[in-house]
PDB file of N, CA and C in Angstrom:
ATOM      1  N   MET A   1       9.756 -89.127-100.377  1.00  0.00           N
ATOM      2  CA  MET A   1       8.717 -90.091-100.677  1.00  0.00           C
ATOM      3  C   MET A   1       8.976 -90.774-102.026  1.00  0.00           C
ATOM      4  N   LYS A   2       9.356 -89.990-103.036  1.00  0.00           N
ATOM      5  CA  LYS A   2       9.639 -90.550-104.349  1.00  0.00           C
ATOM      6  C   LYS A   2      10.778 -91.559-104.292  1.00  0.00           C
ATOM      7  N   HIS A   3      11.790 -91.265-103.494  1.00  0.00           N
ATOM      8  CA  HIS A   3      12.956 -92.139-103.404  1.00  0.00           C
ATOM      9  C   HIS A   3      12.587 -93.505-102.830  1.00  0.00           C
ATOM     10  N   LYS A   4      11.668 -93.529-101.883  1.00  0.00           N
ATOM     11  CA  LYS A   4      11.247 -94.814-101.307  1.00  0.00           C
ATOM     12  C   LYS A   4      10.514 -95.644-102.349  1.00  0.00           C
ATOM     13  N   TRP A   5       9.680 -94.990-103.154  1.00  0.00           N
ATOM     14  CA  TRP A   5       8.955 -95.703-104.195  1.00  0.00           C
ATOM     15  C   TRP A   5       9.927 -96.264-105.233  1.00  0.00           C
ATOM     16  N   ILE A   6      10.890 -95.482-105.648  1.00  0.00           N
ATOM     17  CA  ILE A   6      11.882 -95.936-106.628  1.00  0.00           C
ATOM     18  C   ILE A   6      12.687 -97.101-106.064  1.00  0.00           C
ATOM     19  N   ALA A   7      13.098 -96.987-104.802  1.00  0.00           N
ATOM     20  CA  ALA A   7      13.854 -98.077-104.165  1.00  0.00           C
ATOM     21  C   ALA A   7      13.012 -99.357-104.111  1.00  0.00           C
ATOM     22  N   PHE A   8      11.742 -99.198-103.748  1.00  0.00           N
ATOM     23  CA  PHE A   8      10.834-100.350-103.689  1.00  0.00           C
ATOM     24  C   PHE A   8      10.692-100.983-105.069  1.00  0.00           C
ATOM     25  N   PHE A   9      10.488-100.161-106.079  1.00  0.00           N
ATOM     26  CA  PHE A   9      10.334-100.635-107.446  1.00  0.00           C
ATOM     27  C   PHE A   9      11.598-101.362-107.922  1.00  0.00           C
ATOM     28  N   LEU A  10      12.755-100.762-107.691  1.00  0.00           N
ATOM     29  CA  LEU A  10      14.005-101.378-108.127  1.00  0.00           C
ATOM     30  C   LEU A  10      14.288-102.676-107.392  1.00  0.00           C
ATOM     31  N   GLU A  11      13.909-102.756-106.139  1.00  0.00           N
ATOM     32  CA  GLU A  11      14.069-104.010-105.396  1.00  0.00           C
ATOM     33  C   GLU A  11      13.200-105.105-106.013  1.00  0.00           C
ATOM     34  N   GLY A  12      11.985-104.749-106.405  1.00  0.00           N
ATOM     35  CA  GLY A  12      11.098-105.710-107.068  1.00  0.00           C
ATOM     36  C   GLY A  12      11.662-106.171-108.392  1.00  0.00           C
ATOM     37  N   VAL A  13      12.174-105.236-109.182  1.00  0.00           N
ATOM     38  CA  VAL A  13      12.784-105.571-110.469  1.00  0.00           C
ATOM     39  C   VAL A  13      13.974-106.507-110.253  1.00  0.00           C
ATOM     40  N   SER A  14      14.772-106.229-109.257  1.00  0.00           N
ATOM     41  CA  SER A  14      15.934-107.069-108.959  1.00  0.00           C
ATOM     42  C   SER A  14      15.516-108.488-108.592  1.00  0.00           C
ATOM     43  N   LYS A  15      14.515-108.624-107.733  1.00  0.00           N
ATOM     44  CA  LYS A  15      14.051-109.957-107.314  1.00  0.00           C
ATOM     45  C   LYS A  15      13.501-110.745-108.485  1.00  0.00           C
ATOM     46  N   VAL A  16      12.709-110.090-109.322  1.00  0.00           N
ATOM     47  CA  VAL A  16      12.133-110.770-110.482  1.00  0.00           C
ATOM     48  C   VAL A  16      13.239-111.179-111.453  1.00  0.00           C
ATOM     49  N   SER A  17      14.209-110.313-111.653  1.00  0.00           N
ATOM     50  CA  SER A  17      15.326-110.623-112.559  1.00  0.00           C
ATOM     51  C   SER A  17      16.133-111.812-112.051  1.00  0.00           C
ATOM     52  N   LEU A  18      16.403-111.842-110.755  1.00  0.00           N
ATOM     53  CA  LEU A  18      17.146-112.965-110.185  1.00  0.00           C
ATOM     54  C   LEU A  18      16.371-114.274-110.326  1.00  0.00           C
ATOM     55  N   ALA A  19      15.064-114.206-110.089  1.00  0.00           N
ATOM     56  CA  ALA A  19      14.234-115.410-110.226  1.00  0.00           C
ATOM     57  C   ALA A  19      14.204-115.885-111.677  1.00  0.00           C
ATOM     58  N   ALA A  20      14.099-114.954-112.614  1.00  0.00           N
ATOM     59  CA  ALA A  20      14.076-115.317-114.034  1.00  0.00           C
ATOM     60  C   ALA A  20      15.406-115.936-114.455  1.00  0.00           C
ATOM     61  N   THR A  21      16.494-115.392-113.955  1.00  0.00           N
ATOM     62  CA  THR A  21      17.813-115.934-114.266  1.00  0.00           C
ATOM     63  C   THR A  21      17.953-117.346-113.710  1.00  0.00           C
ATOM     64  N   LYS A  22      17.483-117.545-112.501  1.00  0.00           N
ATOM     65  CA  LYS A  22      17.537-118.874-111.878  1.00  0.00           C
ATOM     66  C   LYS A  22      16.718-119.881-112.687  1.00  0.00           C
ATOM     67  N   THR A  23      15.528-119.478-113.112  1.00  0.00           N
ATOM     68  CA  THR A  23      14.675-120.366-113.908  1.00  0.00           C
ATOM     69  C   THR A  23      15.326-120.666-115.254  1.00  0.00           C
ATOM     70  N   ALA A  24      15.895-119.656-115.895  1.00  0.00           N
ATOM     71  CA  ALA A  24      16.545-119.866-117.194  1.00  0.00           C
ATOM     72  C   ALA A  24      17.709-120.847-117.060  1.00  0.00           C
ATOM     73  N   ARG A  25      18.486-120.717-116.012  1.00  0.00           N
ATOM     74  CA  ARG A  25      19.598-121.655-115.804  1.00  0.00           C
ATOM     75  C   ARG A  25      19.083-123.066-115.549  1.00  0.00           C
ATOM     76  N   ALA A  26      18.002-123.173-114.796  1.00  0.00           N
ATOM     77  CA  ALA A  26      17.418-124.490-114.514  1.00  0.00           C
ATOM     78  C   ALA A  26      16.899-125.128-115.805  1.00  0.00           C
ATOM     79  N   ILE A  27      16.318-124.322-116.684  1.00  0.00           N
ATOM     80  CA  ILE A  27      15.833-124.833-117.970  1.00  0.00           C
ATOM     81  C   ILE A  27      16.999-125.343-118.810  1.00  0.00           C
ATOM     82  N   LEU A  28      18.070-124.582-118.875  1.00  0.00           N
ATOM     83  CA  LEU A  28      19.241-125.005-119.644  1.00  0.00           C
ATOM     84  C   LEU A  28      19.839-126.291-119.089  1.00  0.00           C
ATOM     85  N   ASP A  29      19.906-126.399-117.770  1.00  0.00           N
ATOM     86  CA  ASP A  29      20.438-127.604-117.138  1.00  0.00           C
ATOM     87  C   ASP A  29      19.548-128.809-117.435  1.00  0.00           C
ATOM     88  N   LEU A  30      18.241-128.629-117.281  1.00  0.00           N
ATOM     89  CA  LEU A  30      17.280-129.703-117.561  1.00  0.00           C
ATOM     90  C   LEU A  30      17.381-130.135-119.020  1.00  0.00           C
ATOM     91  N   ARG A  31      17.426-129.168-119.901  1.00  0.00           N
ATOM     92  CA  ARG A  31      17.496-129.454-121.336  1.00  0.00           C
ATOM     93  C   ARG A  31      18.737-130.284-121.658  1.00  0.00           C
ATOM     94  N   GLU A  32      19.867-129.901-121.098  1.00  0.00           N
ATOM     95  CA  GLU A  32      21.100-130.625-121.369  1.00  0.00           C
ATOM     96  C   GLU A  32      21.046-132.043-120.805  1.00  0.00           C
ATOM     97  N   ARG A  33      20.551-132.204-119.587  1.00  0.00           N
ATOM     98  CA  ARG A  33      20.451-133.546-118.998  1.00  0.00           C
ATOM     99  C   ARG A  33      19.535-134.436-119.819  1.00  0.00           C
ATOM    100  N   HIS A  34      18.409-133.901-120.265  1.00  0.00           N
ATOM    101  CA  HIS A  34      17.466-134.700-121.045  1.00  0.00           C
ATOM    102  C   HIS A  34      18.007-134.990-122.446  1.00  0.00           C
ATOM    103  N   ARG A  35      18.731-134.062-123.010  1.00  0.00           N
ATOM    104  CA  ARG A  35      19.349-134.310-124.319  1.00  0.00           C
ATOM    105  C   ARG A  35      20.372-135.432-124.219  1.00  0.00           C
ATOM    106  N   GLN A  36      21.120-135.475-123.132  1.00  0.00           N
ATOM    107  CA  GLN A  36      22.107-136.541-122.948  1.00  0.00           C
ATOM    108  C   GLN A  36      21.439-137.904-122.820  1.00  0.00           C
ATOM    109  N   MET A  37      20.240-137.937-122.239  1.00  0.00           N
ATOM    110  CA  MET A  37      19.517-139.200-122.101  1.00  0.00           C
ATOM    111  C   MET A  37      19.189-139.808-123.464  1.00  0.00           C
ATOM    112  N   PHE A  38      19.010-138.956-124.468  1.00  0.00           N
ATOM    113  CA  PHE A  38      18.595-139.410-125.792  1.00  0.00           C
ATOM    114  C   PHE A  38      19.621-139.033-126.861  1.00  0.00           C
ATOM    115  N   ALA A  39      20.885-139.024-126.476  1.00  0.00           N
ATOM    116  CA  ALA A  39      21.955-138.594-127.383  1.00  0.00           C
ATOM    117  C   ALA A  39      21.980-139.402-128.676  1.00  0.00           C
ATOM    118  N   HIS A  40      21.544-140.652-128.643  1.00  0.00           N
ATOM    119  CA  HIS A  40      21.595-141.509-129.826  1.00  0.00           C
ATOM    120  C   HIS A  40      20.203-141.783-130.408  1.00  0.00           C
ATOM    121  N   ASP A  41      19.252-140.908-130.108  1.00  0.00           N
ATOM    122  CA  ASP A  41      17.870-141.077-130.571  1.00  0.00           C
ATOM    123  C   ASP A  41      17.414-139.749-131.179  1.00  0.00           C
ATOM    124  N   ALA A  42      17.676-139.580-132.471  1.00  0.00           N
ATOM    125  CA  ALA A  42      17.409-138.306-133.145  1.00  0.00           C
ATOM    126  C   ALA A  42      15.943-137.896-133.060  1.00  0.00           C
ATOM    127  N   ALA A  43      15.036-138.845-133.198  1.00  0.00           N
ATOM    128  CA  ALA A  43      13.611-138.504-133.154  1.00  0.00           C
ATOM    129  C   ALA A  43      13.218-138.014-131.762  1.00  0.00           C
ATOM    130  N   ALA A  44      13.714-138.670-130.732  1.00  0.00           N
ATOM    131  CA  ALA A  44      13.410-138.245-129.365  1.00  0.00           C
ATOM    132  C   ALA A  44      13.983-136.855-129.102  1.00  0.00           C
ATOM    133  N   LEU A  45      15.172-136.590-129.631  1.00  0.00           N
ATOM    134  CA  LEU A  45      15.760-135.259-129.472  1.00  0.00           C
ATOM    135  C   LEU A  45      14.920-134.189-130.156  1.00  0.00           C
ATOM    136  N   ARG A  46      14.411-134.490-131.350  1.00  0.00           N
ATOM    137  CA  ARG A  46      13.559-133.526-132.066  1.00  0.00           C
ATOM    138  C   ARG A  46      12.286-133.257-131.284  1.00  0.00           C
ATOM    139  N   LEU A  47      11.667-134.314-130.766  1.00  0.00           N
ATOM    140  CA  LEU A  47      10.438-134.130-129.995  1.00  0.00           C
ATOM    141  C   LEU A  47      10.731-133.368-128.704  1.00  0.00           C
ATOM    142  N   LEU A  48      11.822-133.695-128.073  1.00  0.00           N
ATOM    143  CA  LEU A  48      12.207-133.011-126.843  1.00  0.00           C
ATOM    144  C   LEU A  48      12.345-131.508-127.077  1.00  0.00           C
ATOM    145  N   GLU A  49      12.960-131.124-128.176  1.00  0.00           N
ATOM    146  CA  GLU A  49      13.097-129.693-128.491  1.00  0.00           C
ATOM    147  C   GLU A  49      11.727-129.035-128.653  1.00  0.00           C
ATOM    148  N   CYS A  50      10.789-129.719-129.255  1.00  0.00           N
ATOM    149  CA  CYS A  50       9.443-129.174-129.444  1.00  0.00           C
ATOM    150  C   CYS A  50       8.716-128.993-128.111  1.00  0.00           C
ATOM    151  N   LEU A  51       9.045-129.836-127.152  1.00  0.00           N
ATOM    152  CA  LEU A  51       8.353-129.780-125.862  1.00  0.00           C
ATOM    153  C   LEU A  51       8.644-128.500-125.087  1.00  0.00           C
ATOM    154  N   TYR A  52       9.713-127.808-125.420  1.00  0.00           N
ATOM    155  CA  TYR A  52      10.006-126.547-124.738  1.00  0.00           C
ATOM    156  C   TYR A  52       9.082-125.431-125.201  1.00  0.00           C
ATOM    157  N   GLU A  53       8.491-125.589-126.366  1.00  0.00           N
ATOM    158  CA  GLU A  53       7.496-124.629-126.850  1.00  0.00           C
ATOM    159  C   GLU A  53       6.082-125.123-126.607  1.00  0.00           C
ATOM    160  N   GLN A  54       5.909-126.439-126.598  1.00  0.00           N
ATOM    161  CA  GLN A  54       4.593-127.056-126.455  1.00  0.00           C
ATOM    162  C   GLN A  54       4.716-128.207-125.456  1.00  0.00           C
ATOM    163  N   PRO A  55       4.660-127.922-124.136  1.00  0.00           N
ATOM    164  CA  PRO A  55       4.909-128.969-123.139  1.00  0.00           C
ATOM    165  C   PRO A  55       3.758-129.961-122.932  1.00  0.00           C
ATOM    166  N   LEU A  56       2.638-129.760-123.608  1.00  0.00           N
ATOM    167  CA  LEU A  56       1.545-130.736-123.632  1.00  0.00           C
ATOM    168  C   LEU A  56       1.446-131.247-125.058  1.00  0.00           C
ATOM    169  N   VAL A  57       1.493-132.559-125.207  1.00  0.00           N
ATOM    170  CA  VAL A  57       1.555-133.117-126.555  1.00  0.00           C
ATOM    171  C   VAL A  57       0.717-134.388-126.639  1.00  0.00           C
ATOM    172  N   SER A  58       0.115-134.588-127.781  1.00  0.00           N
ATOM    173  CA  SER A  58      -0.566-135.844-128.098  1.00  0.00           C
ATOM    174  C   SER A  58       0.331-136.593-129.083  1.00  0.00           C
ATOM    175  N   VAL A  59       0.004-137.835-129.339  1.00  0.00           N
ATOM    176  CA  VAL A  59       0.771-138.576-130.337  1.00  0.00           C
ATOM    177  C   VAL A  59       0.575-137.931-131.712  1.00  0.00           C
ATOM    178  N   ARG A  60      -0.629-137.457-131.993  1.00  0.00           N
ATOM    179  CA  ARG A  60      -0.888-136.780-133.276  1.00  0.00           C
ATOM    180  C   ARG A  60       0.003-135.548-133.431  1.00  0.00           C
ATOM    181  N   LEU A  61       0.122-134.765-132.367  1.00  0.00           N
ATOM    182  CA  LEU A  61       0.969-133.581-132.431  1.00  0.00           C
ATOM    183  C   LEU A  61       2.440-133.979-132.568  1.00  0.00           C
ATOM    184  N   ALA A  62       2.848-135.025-131.869  1.00  0.00           N
ATOM    185  CA  ALA A  62       4.213-135.531-132.004  1.00  0.00           C
ATOM    186  C   ALA A  62       4.458-135.992-133.444  1.00  0.00           C
ATOM    187  N   GLN A  63       3.463-136.620-134.027  1.00  0.00           N
ATOM    188  CA  GLN A  63       3.561-137.066-135.420  1.00  0.00           C
ATOM    189  C   GLN A  63       3.818-135.870-136.338  1.00  0.00           C
ATOM    190  N   LYS A  64       3.105-134.781-136.076  1.00  0.00           N
ATOM    191  CA  LYS A  64       3.284-133.566-136.869  1.00  0.00           C
ATOM    192  C   LYS A  64       4.683-132.982-136.654  1.00  0.00           C
ATOM    193  N   PHE A  65       5.116-132.880-135.402  1.00  0.00           N
ATOM    194  CA  PHE A  65       6.446-132.344-135.100  1.00  0.00           C
ATOM    195  C   PHE A  65       7.546-133.154-135.775  1.00  0.00           C
ATOM    196  N   LEU A  66       7.373-134.470-135.781  1.00  0.00           N
ATOM    197  CA  LEU A  66       8.407-135.372-136.291  1.00  0.00           C
ATOM    198  C   LEU A  66       8.283-135.653-137.783  1.00  0.00           C
ATOM    199  N   SER A  67       7.171-135.238-138.388  1.00  0.00           N
ATOM    200  CA  SER A  67       6.896-135.561-139.796  1.00  0.00           C
ATOM    201  C   SER A  67       7.056-137.057-140.017  1.00  0.00           C
ATOM    202  N   SER A  68       6.379-137.820-139.169  1.00  0.00           N
ATOM    203  CA  SER A  68       6.527-139.276-139.210  1.00  0.00           C
ATOM    204  C   SER A  68       5.158-139.943-139.185  1.00  0.00           C
ATOM    205  N   SER A  69       5.175-141.257-139.171  1.00  0.00           N
ATOM    206  CA  SER A  69       3.928-141.999-139.044  1.00  0.00           C
ATOM    207  C   SER A  69       3.422-141.902-137.602  1.00  0.00           C
ATOM    208  N   TYR A  70       2.156-142.202-137.438  1.00  0.00           N
ATOM    209  CA  TYR A  70       1.549-142.195-136.107  1.00  0.00           C
ATOM    210  C   TYR A  70       2.240-143.214-135.200  1.00  0.00           C
ATOM    211  N   ASN A  71       2.510-144.412-135.740  1.00  0.00           N
ATOM    212  CA  ASN A  71       3.143-145.464-134.940  1.00  0.00           C
ATOM    213  C   ASN A  71       4.549-145.061-134.491  1.00  0.00           C
ATOM    214  N   HIS A  72       5.299-144.440-135.396  1.00  0.00           N
ATOM    215  CA  HIS A  72       6.643-143.992-135.035  1.00  0.00           C
ATOM    216  C   HIS A  72       6.575-142.932-133.936  1.00  0.00           C
ATOM    217  N   ALA A  73       5.686-141.962-134.107  1.00  0.00           N
ATOM    218  CA  ALA A  73       5.528-140.910-133.100  1.00  0.00           C
ATOM    219  C   ALA A  73       5.098-141.502-131.760  1.00  0.00           C
ATOM    220  N   GLY A  74       4.209-142.486-131.804  1.00  0.00           N
ATOM    221  CA  GLY A  74       3.781-143.146-130.573  1.00  0.00           C
ATOM    222  C   GLY A  74       4.937-143.839-129.870  1.00  0.00           C
ATOM    223  N   GLY A  75       5.826-144.422-130.650  1.00  0.00           N
ATOM    224  CA  GLY A  75       7.004-145.060-130.070  1.00  0.00           C
ATOM    225  C   GLY A  75       7.932-144.054-129.412  1.00  0.00           C
ATOM    226  N   VAL A  76       8.109-142.906-130.052  1.00  0.00           N
ATOM    227  CA  VAL A  76       8.967-141.854-129.486  1.00  0.00           C
ATOM    228  C   VAL A  76       8.352-141.327-128.196  1.00  0.00           C
ATOM    229  N   VAL A  77       7.057-141.059-128.218  1.00  0.00           N
ATOM    230  CA  VAL A  77       6.368-140.603-127.002  1.00  0.00           C
ATOM    231  C   VAL A  77       6.528-141.660-125.909  1.00  0.00           C
ATOM    232  N   GLY A  78       6.372-142.919-126.279  1.00  0.00           N
ATOM    233  CA  GLY A  78       6.516-144.010-125.310  1.00  0.00           C
ATOM    234  C   GLY A  78       7.890-144.042-124.667  1.00  0.00           C
ATOM    235  N   ARG A  79       8.929-143.773-125.460  1.00  0.00           N
ATOM    236  CA  ARG A  79      10.289-143.755-124.897  1.00  0.00           C
ATOM    237  C   ARG A  79      10.460-142.618-123.897  1.00  0.00           C
ATOM    238  N   LEU A  80       9.857-141.472-124.183  1.00  0.00           N
ATOM    239  CA  LEU A  80       9.937-140.347-123.247  1.00  0.00           C
ATOM    240  C   LEU A  80       9.123-140.627-121.981  1.00  0.00           C
ATOM    241  N   VAL A  81       8.016-141.354-122.128  1.00  0.00           N
ATOM    242  CA  VAL A  81       7.227-141.752-120.959  1.00  0.00           C
ATOM    243  C   VAL A  81       8.044-142.720-120.095  1.00  0.00           C
ATOM    244  N   GLU A  82       8.658-143.707-120.740  1.00  0.00           N
ATOM    245  CA  GLU A  82       9.460-144.712-120.013  1.00  0.00           C
ATOM    246  C   GLU A  82      10.576-144.074-119.196  1.00  0.00           C
ATOM    247  N   ARG A  83      11.157-143.005-119.701  1.00  0.00           N
ATOM    248  CA  ARG A  83      12.269-142.337-119.009  1.00  0.00           C
ATOM    249  C   ARG A  83      11.781-141.281-118.019  1.00  0.00           C
ATOM    250  N   GLY A  84      10.461-141.112-117.897  1.00  0.00           N
ATOM    251  CA  GLY A  84       9.915-140.186-116.913  1.00  0.00           C
ATOM    252  C   GLY A  84       9.854-138.737-117.353  1.00  0.00           C
ATOM    253  N   LEU A  85      10.051-138.487-118.641  1.00  0.00           N
ATOM    254  CA  LEU A  85       9.986-137.115-119.127  1.00  0.00           C
ATOM    255  C   LEU A  85       8.569-136.680-119.445  1.00  0.00           C
ATOM    256  N   LEU A  86       7.770-137.604-119.946  1.00  0.00           N
ATOM    257  CA  LEU A  86       6.361-137.319-120.236  1.00  0.00           C
ATOM    258  C   LEU A  86       5.481-138.150-119.317  1.00  0.00           C
ATOM    259  N   ARG A  87       4.322-137.567-118.972  1.00  0.00           N
ATOM    260  CA  ARG A  87       3.333-138.264-118.156  1.00  0.00           C
ATOM    261  C   ARG A  87       1.979-138.129-118.837  1.00  0.00           C
ATOM    262  N   GLU A  88       1.304-139.256-119.004  1.00  0.00           N
ATOM    263  CA  GLU A  88      -0.033-139.254-119.602  1.00  0.00           C
ATOM    264  C   GLU A  88      -1.000-138.628-118.608  1.00  0.00           C
ATOM    265  N   THR A  89      -1.845-137.720-119.070  1.00  0.00           N
ATOM    266  CA  THR A  89      -2.699-136.953-118.162  1.00  0.00           C
ATOM    267  C   THR A  89      -4.185-137.265-118.238  1.00  0.00           C
ATOM    268  N   THR A  90      -4.630-137.976-119.271  1.00  0.00           N
ATOM    269  CA  THR A  90      -6.074-138.143-119.455  1.00  0.00           C
ATOM    270  C   THR A  90      -6.621-139.418-118.835  1.00  0.00           C
ATOM    271  N   GLY A  91      -5.796-140.454-118.735  1.00  0.00           N
ATOM    272  CA  GLY A  91      -6.276-141.738-118.241  1.00  0.00           C
ATOM    273  C   GLY A  91      -7.079-142.516-119.272  1.00  0.00           C
ATOM    274  N   ARG A  92      -7.105-142.022-120.489  1.00  0.00           N
ATOM    275  CA  ARG A  92      -7.862-142.694-121.554  1.00  0.00           C
ATOM    276  C   ARG A  92      -6.923-143.528-122.423  1.00  0.00           C
ATOM    277  N   ARG A  93      -7.526-144.376-123.246  1.00  0.00           N
ATOM    278  CA  ARG A  93      -6.749-145.180-124.187  1.00  0.00           C
ATOM    279  C   ARG A  93      -6.591-144.457-125.528  1.00  0.00           C
ATOM    280  N   ARG A  94      -7.501-143.548-125.828  1.00  0.00           N
ATOM    281  CA  ARG A  94      -7.458-142.803-127.088  1.00  0.00           C
ATOM    282  C   ARG A  94      -7.390-141.312-126.783  1.00  0.00           C
ATOM    283  N   ASN A  95      -6.864-140.567-127.733  1.00  0.00           N
ATOM    284  CA  ASN A  95      -6.758-139.107-127.597  1.00  0.00           C
ATOM    285  C   ASN A  95      -6.059-138.692-126.303  1.00  0.00           C
ATOM    286  N   ARG A  96      -5.008-139.391-125.998  1.00  0.00           N
ATOM    287  CA  ARG A  96      -4.272-139.108-124.768  1.00  0.00           C
ATOM    288  C   ARG A  96      -3.411-137.853-124.923  1.00  0.00           C
ATOM    289  N   LEU A  97      -3.212-137.167-123.810  1.00  0.00           N
ATOM    290  CA  LEU A  97      -2.309-136.028-123.749  1.00  0.00           C
ATOM    291  C   LEU A  97      -1.180-136.351-122.791  1.00  0.00           C
ATOM    292  N   PHE A  98       0.002-135.910-123.146  1.00  0.00           N
ATOM    293  CA  PHE A  98       1.188-136.152-122.334  1.00  0.00           C
ATOM    294  C   PHE A  98       1.775-134.812-121.925  1.00  0.00           C
ATOM    295  N   ARG A  99       2.228-134.754-120.708  1.00  0.00           N
ATOM    296  CA  ARG A  99       2.715-133.507-120.111  1.00  0.00           C
ATOM    297  C   ARG A  99       4.203-133.647-119.803  1.00  0.00           C
ATOM    298  N   TYR A 100       4.959-132.640-120.153  1.00  0.00           N
ATOM    299  CA  TYR A 100       6.400-132.613-119.883  1.00  0.00           C
ATOM    300  C   TYR A 100       6.601-132.058-118.464  1.00  0.00           C
ATOM    301  N   ASP A 101       6.343-132.915-117.493  1.00  0.00           N
ATOM    302  CA  ASP A 101       6.337-132.502-116.085  1.00  0.00           C
ATOM    303  C   ASP A 101       7.647-131.897-115.577  1.00  0.00           C
ATOM    304  N   PRO A 102       8.815-132.486-115.871  1.00  0.00           N
ATOM    305  CA  PRO A 102      10.044-131.897-115.323  1.00  0.00           C
ATOM    306  C   PRO A 102      10.236-130.433-115.734  1.00  0.00           C
ATOM    307  N   TYR A 103       9.831-130.110-116.954  1.00  0.00           N
ATOM    308  CA  TYR A 103       9.941-128.742-117.453  1.00  0.00           C
ATOM    309  C   TYR A 103       8.903-127.835-116.789  1.00  0.00           C
ATOM    310  N   LEU A 104       7.674-128.278-116.772  1.00  0.00           N
ATOM    311  CA  LEU A 104       6.615-127.441-116.192  1.00  0.00           C
ATOM    312  C   LEU A 104       6.806-127.209-114.700  1.00  0.00           C
ATOM    313  N   ALA A 105       7.449-128.164-114.029  1.00  0.00           N
ATOM    314  CA  ALA A 105       7.702-128.026-112.589  1.00  0.00           C
ATOM    315  C   ALA A 105       8.619-126.850-112.286  1.00  0.00           C
ATOM    316  N   LEU A 106       9.410-126.431-113.239  1.00  0.00           N
ATOM    317  CA  LEU A 106      10.315-125.292-113.028  1.00  0.00           C
ATOM    318  C   LEU A 106       9.570-123.978-112.883  1.00  0.00           C
ATOM    319  N   PHE A 107       8.301-123.953-113.262  1.00  0.00           N
ATOM    320  CA  PHE A 107       7.525-122.717-113.233  1.00  0.00           C
ATOM    321  C   PHE A 107       6.548-122.644-112.064  1.00  0.00           C
ATOM    322  N   THR A 108       6.552-123.656-111.210  1.00  0.00           N
ATOM    323  CA  THR A 108       5.619-123.636-110.081  1.00  0.00           C
ATOM    324  C   THR A 108       6.348-123.379-108.787  1.00  0.00           C
TER     325      THR A 108
END
């Protein structure tokens, strides 16, 4: 009886480990593809790196991450929106939130 439980447990650990490895590889691939899109845009690259820790961002938060003006941060966010990396989620004109959908999709 104990052996069946151990086998069941180890099979579960194996499946979870394989899934985690697959997700980690997908994240690395996504990160590299998105970095190449902005290879000549240092600010976009900095914001992109922050999105892996904070995949929901406002322009104010981007401003903080970039240590820049609000207008500059808004421009960087806009470039990521234009390329399909960020999606505005609130539908408002002020206090908008943007979601890093390609990254978050890897977890669903």
